[in-house]
Amino acid sequence: MTFSPESLPDWQNPVIRGMKHVGGRVRVALWLIQVVGEDNPFTKAELRAAFPGDAQIDRRLRDLRDWGWVVHTSRDDPSLRQEEQRFVRAGVAVWIPHQTRPEEVGAKGTVNSAERARVMREDDYMCRICGITAGEGYEDGLSTAKLVLSRRDVSRLDGTTETTRVTLCERCARGASPKVDIPGYMSAVSQLSDLERRALGRCMKEGRRQRSEVEELWGLYGTLPASARREILNSLEGSED
């Protein structure tokens, strides 16, 4: 959601009609829009310097995730340093009184146990990049795998962008790309011959890799979140009708 910074209350001294007290969550939201700007990084030090009187300002920022605001850390975006975060996208306009929190966002901006189980089940309980399963030892023998859910921004065929999750091991999550481009993927698929497209479709349906000219696209497909995989497969099947 895009807002014009000039049309919003001043983040430093907001006066909002219908709101007796403007809390830290509202002020952080306004600061992100008016000072940081979408798709730009900022540091925890900059955040704390902007709100020196609020000892809980880090928590106020995390609270915004409950309202659909997307802020990535270095775990989500490997290009960020550990002390950096990136303001990706604004969510609900929390400075407008009586707003409703999105139902799909879980408590504290995290995934609840049912959602976590669903994502891992759809991802076959394995890392979608390296294929390792929970508790399985890495080849270097130094540790065993722990699976986590990593956030991904998915650009869909209808032009919208959705933040979803995919199962990765902790090692792969540190280097995973946070963006998935379905239109770009389908554009590459369209360059294949009919025979190659059918071979790729069989790989997707069977859920296993086959040595062929389409291996590169199959490998990329296997790293995607379940919802992105379904959309690509449905689009591919629809184009064959």
Protein backbone atom coordinates (compact mmCIF):
# COMPACT_ATOMS: atom_id res chain seq x y z
CA MET A 1 0.00 0.00 0.00
CA THR A 2 1.41 3.40 -1.01
CA PHE A 3 0.87 6.63 0.92
CA SER A 4 1.97 10.17 0.11
CA PRO A 5 4.29 11.30 2.95
CA GLU A 6 3.16 14.92 2.58
CA SER A 7 -0.50 14.04 3.24
CA LEU A 8 0.19 12.23 6.52
CA PRO A 9 0.47 13.54 10.10
CA ASP A 10 3.97 14.62 11.13
CA TRP A 11 5.73 11.62 12.67
CA GLN A 12 7.56 13.86 15.17
CA ASN A 13 4.45 15.54 16.55
CA PRO A 14 1.35 13.86 15.13
CA VAL A 15 -2.06 15.32 15.92
CA ILE A 16 -4.72 12.91 14.73
CA ARG A 17 -8.42 13.62 14.91
CA GLY A 18 -10.32 10.98 16.84
CA MET A 19 -7.16 9.63 18.52
CA LYS A 20 -6.52 10.96 22.04
CA HIS A 21 -3.08 9.40 22.36
CA VAL A 22 -0.75 8.69 19.46
CA GLY A 23 1.38 5.71 20.46
CA GLY A 24 4.77 4.48 19.32
CA ARG A 25 3.36 2.07 16.75
CA VAL A 26 1.66 4.90 14.85
CA ARG A 27 4.71 7.14 15.06
CA VAL A 28 7.05 4.39 13.82
CA ALA A 29 4.72 3.74 10.87
CA LEU A 30 4.76 7.43 9.95
CA TRP A 31 8.56 7.56 10.40
CA LEU A 32 9.04 4.60 8.05
CA ILE A 33 7.01 6.33 5.34
CA GLN A 34 8.23 9.91 5.83
CA VAL A 35 11.89 9.32 6.69
CA VAL A 36 12.98 5.86 5.53
CA GLY A 37 10.79 5.29 2.46
CA GLU A 38 9.71 1.97 0.95
CA ASP A 39 12.45 -0.43 -0.16
CA ASN A 40 15.12 1.47 1.78
CA PRO A 41 17.28 0.12 4.64
CA PHE A 42 17.66 1.56 8.14
CA THR A 43 19.50 0.52 11.29
CA LYS A 44 18.32 -0.13 14.82
CA ALA A 45 20.53 2.75 15.91
CA GLU A 46 18.70 5.13 13.56
CA LEU A 47 15.34 3.91 14.83
CA ARG A 48 16.31 4.38 18.47
CA ALA A 49 17.83 7.79 17.79
CA ALA A 50 14.55 8.91 16.21
CA PHE A 51 12.59 7.86 19.33
CA PRO A 52 14.96 8.42 22.28
CA GLY A 53 12.17 8.51 24.85
CA ASP A 54 10.62 5.14 23.97
CA ALA A 55 12.53 2.17 25.40
CA GLN A 56 10.12 -0.22 23.66
CA ILE A 57 10.48 1.26 20.17
CA ASP A 58 11.93 -1.99 18.73
CA ARG A 59 8.80 -3.77 19.92
CA ARG A 60 6.57 -1.09 18.39
CA LEU A 61 8.25 -1.75 15.05
CA ARG A 62 7.69 -5.51 15.36
CA ASP A 63 4.04 -4.87 16.24
CA LEU A 64 3.50 -3.36 12.81
CA ARG A 65 3.91 -6.81 11.25
CA ASP A 66 0.58 -7.72 12.88
CA TRP A 67 -0.94 -5.00 10.71
CA GLY A 68 0.47 -6.19 7.39
CA TRP A 69 3.63 -4.06 7.37
CA VAL A 70 6.62 -5.83 5.80
CA VAL A 71 10.05 -5.15 7.29
CA HIS A 72 12.88 -7.51 6.38
CA THR A 73 15.93 -8.34 8.47
CA SER A 74 19.26 -9.78 7.30
CA ARG A 75 17.71 -13.24 7.69
CA ASP A 76 15.11 -12.39 5.04
CA ASP A 77 17.41 -10.34 2.80
CA PRO A 78 21.07 -11.49 2.63
CA SER A 79 22.12 -8.12 1.15
CA LEU A 80 21.44 -6.48 4.53
CA ARG A 81 24.02 -6.27 7.29
CA GLN A 82 23.10 -7.83 10.64
CA GLU A 83 22.30 -4.43 12.17
CA GLU A 84 20.13 -3.37 9.21
CA GLN A 85 16.47 -3.82 8.33
CA ARG A 86 14.59 -2.90 5.17
CA PHE A 87 11.18 -1.23 5.01
CA VAL A 88 9.60 -3.23 2.18
CA ARG A 89 5.94 -2.33 2.17
CA ALA A 90 3.35 -0.44 4.24
CA GLY A 91 0.28 -2.21 5.56
CA VAL A 92 -2.83 -0.97 7.36
CA ALA A 93 -2.96 2.81 7.91
CA VAL A 94 -2.65 2.54 11.71
CA TRP A 95 -2.89 6.33 12.15
CA ILE A 96 -6.55 6.18 11.11
CA PRO A 97 -8.73 5.41 14.16
CA HIS A 98 -10.68 2.14 14.43
CA GLN A 99 -8.64 0.20 11.87
CA THR A 100 -8.94 -3.60 11.88
CA ARG A 101 -5.89 -5.86 12.01
CA PRO A 102 -5.68 -8.30 9.06
CA GLU A 103 -6.95 -11.75 10.05
CA GLU A 104 -4.23 -13.62 8.16
CA VAL A 105 -1.46 -12.16 10.30
CA GLY A 106 -0.84 -14.23 13.42
CA ALA A 107 -0.12 -13.03 16.91
CA LYS A 108 3.13 -11.06 17.23
CA GLY A 109 3.53 -11.21 13.44
CA THR A 110 4.58 -14.81 13.59
CA VAL A 111 3.17 -17.98 12.06
CA ASN A 112 0.97 -20.02 14.37
CA SER A 113 1.54 -23.75 14.79
CA ALA A 114 -1.24 -24.74 12.38
CA GLU A 115 0.10 -22.47 9.63
CA ARG A 116 3.65 -23.64 10.25
CA ALA A 117 2.56 -27.28 9.95
CA ARG A 118 0.64 -26.56 6.73
CA VAL A 119 3.60 -24.85 5.03
CA MET A 120 6.03 -27.61 6.01
CA ARG A 121 3.60 -30.32 4.90
CA GLU A 122 3.18 -28.67 1.48
CA ASP A 123 6.97 -28.40 1.23
CA ASP A 124 7.37 -32.13 2.01
CA TYR A 125 9.11 -31.39 5.33
CA MET A 126 12.39 -30.58 3.62
CA CYS A 127 14.49 -27.58 2.68
CA ARG A 128 13.25 -26.41 -0.72
CA ILE A 129 16.79 -25.42 -1.76
CA CYS A 130 19.11 -28.26 -0.69
CA GLY A 131 16.52 -30.98 0.02
CA ILE A 132 17.75 -31.82 3.52
CA THR A 133 15.21 -32.86 6.17
CA ALA A 134 15.03 -31.94 9.86
CA GLY A 135 17.65 -33.75 11.93
CA GLU A 136 19.55 -34.99 8.89
CA GLY A 137 23.30 -34.47 9.03
CA TYR A 138 25.08 -32.15 6.59
CA GLU A 139 27.82 -33.63 4.41
CA ASP A 140 30.51 -31.77 6.33
CA GLY A 141 29.50 -33.66 9.47
CA LEU A 142 29.54 -30.50 11.58
CA SER A 143 25.85 -30.25 12.41
CA THR A 144 22.35 -31.51 11.70
CA ALA A 145 19.66 -29.58 9.87
CA LYS A 146 17.00 -27.47 11.52
CA LEU A 147 14.08 -26.36 9.35
CA VAL A 148 12.69 -22.84 9.52
CA LEU A 149 10.09 -20.82 7.62
CA SER A 150 11.57 -18.04 5.52
CA ARG A 151 9.53 -15.10 4.24
CA ARG A 152 9.39 -14.58 0.48
CA ASP A 153 7.87 -11.75 -1.57
CA VAL A 154 6.06 -13.39 -4.50
CA SER A 155 5.29 -11.32 -7.64
CA ARG A 156 2.21 -12.96 -9.13
CA LEU A 157 0.83 -13.13 -12.66
CA ASP A 158 -1.93 -10.59 -11.92
CA GLY A 159 0.65 -7.96 -10.97
CA THR A 160 0.15 -8.19 -7.21
CA THR A 161 2.85 -8.99 -4.64
CA GLU A 162 2.25 -11.25 -1.66
CA THR A 163 4.53 -12.05 1.26
CA THR A 164 4.40 -15.80 1.92
CA ARG A 165 6.64 -18.45 3.47
CA VAL A 166 8.73 -21.39 2.35
CA THR A 167 10.52 -24.17 4.27
CA LEU A 168 14.33 -23.89 4.33
CA CYS A 169 17.11 -25.20 6.51
CA GLU A 170 18.88 -22.59 8.62
CA ARG A 171 21.98 -22.67 6.38
CA CYS A 172 20.06 -22.03 3.16
CA ALA A 173 17.85 -19.42 4.83
CA ARG A 174 20.92 -17.25 5.42
CA GLY A 175 21.55 -16.96 1.69
CA ALA A 176 18.04 -17.23 0.23
CA SER A 177 16.65 -14.59 -2.11
CA PRO A 178 13.56 -12.92 -0.58
CA LYS A 179 11.86 -12.30 -3.96
CA VAL A 180 10.06 -14.72 -6.28
CA ASP A 181 9.17 -13.53 -9.81
CA ILE A 182 6.45 -15.76 -11.28
CA PRO A 183 5.97 -13.65 -14.47
CA GLY A 184 9.73 -13.84 -15.09
CA TYR A 185 9.69 -17.60 -14.53
CA MET A 186 6.80 -18.08 -16.95
CA SER A 187 8.54 -15.88 -19.52
CA ALA A 188 11.55 -18.21 -19.41
CA VAL A 189 9.25 -21.25 -19.70
CA SER A 190 7.61 -19.75 -22.80
CA GLN A 191 10.98 -19.87 -24.58
CA LEU A 192 11.07 -23.67 -24.30
CA SER A 193 9.95 -25.99 -27.05
CA ASP A 194 6.69 -27.92 -26.66
CA LEU A 195 8.67 -31.05 -25.83
CA GLU A 196 10.67 -29.27 -23.16
CA ARG A 197 7.56 -27.70 -21.66
CA ARG A 198 5.90 -31.11 -21.38
CA ALA A 199 9.03 -32.54 -19.78
CA LEU A 200 9.11 -29.69 -17.27
CA GLY A 201 5.43 -30.22 -16.49
CA ARG A 202 6.08 -33.91 -15.78
CA CYS A 203 8.91 -32.97 -13.41
CA MET A 204 6.58 -30.64 -11.51
CA LYS A 205 3.76 -33.18 -11.28
CA GLU A 206 6.02 -36.06 -10.25
CA GLY A 207 7.96 -33.93 -7.80
CA ARG A 208 11.33 -35.29 -8.86
CA ARG A 209 14.18 -34.07 -11.01
CA GLN A 210 14.83 -35.48 -14.45
CA ARG A 211 18.07 -34.96 -16.37
CA SER A 212 17.06 -32.87 -19.38
CA GLU A 213 17.36 -29.47 -21.01
CA VAL A 214 14.85 -28.05 -18.53
CA GLU A 215 16.82 -28.97 -15.40
CA GLU A 216 17.73 -25.36 -14.60
CA LEU A 217 14.07 -24.27 -14.60
CA TRP A 218 13.06 -27.36 -12.64
CA GLY A 219 15.73 -26.62 -10.05
CA LEU A 220 14.47 -23.05 -9.60
CA TYR A 221 10.87 -24.25 -9.39
CA GLY A 222 11.78 -26.57 -6.54
CA THR A 223 13.02 -23.70 -4.37
CA LEU A 224 9.75 -21.75 -4.51
CA PRO A 225 7.02 -21.53 -1.83
CA ALA A 226 4.07 -23.90 -2.27
CA SER A 227 1.66 -21.16 -3.39
CA ALA A 228 4.09 -19.99 -6.08
CA ARG A 229 4.61 -23.57 -7.29
CA ARG A 230 0.84 -24.09 -7.57
CA GLU A 231 0.37 -20.87 -9.53
CA ILE A 232 3.13 -21.74 -11.99
CA LEU A 233 1.85 -25.29 -12.48
CA ASN A 234 -1.74 -24.11 -13.01
CA SER A 235 -0.58 -21.51 -15.52
CA LEU A 236 1.48 -24.09 -17.39
CA GLU A 237 -1.39 -26.58 -17.53
CA GLY A 238 -3.80 -23.85 -18.66
CA SER A 239 -1.56 -22.83 -21.55
CA GLU A 240 -1.58 -26.41 -22.85
CA ASP A 241 -5.38 -26.61 -23.15
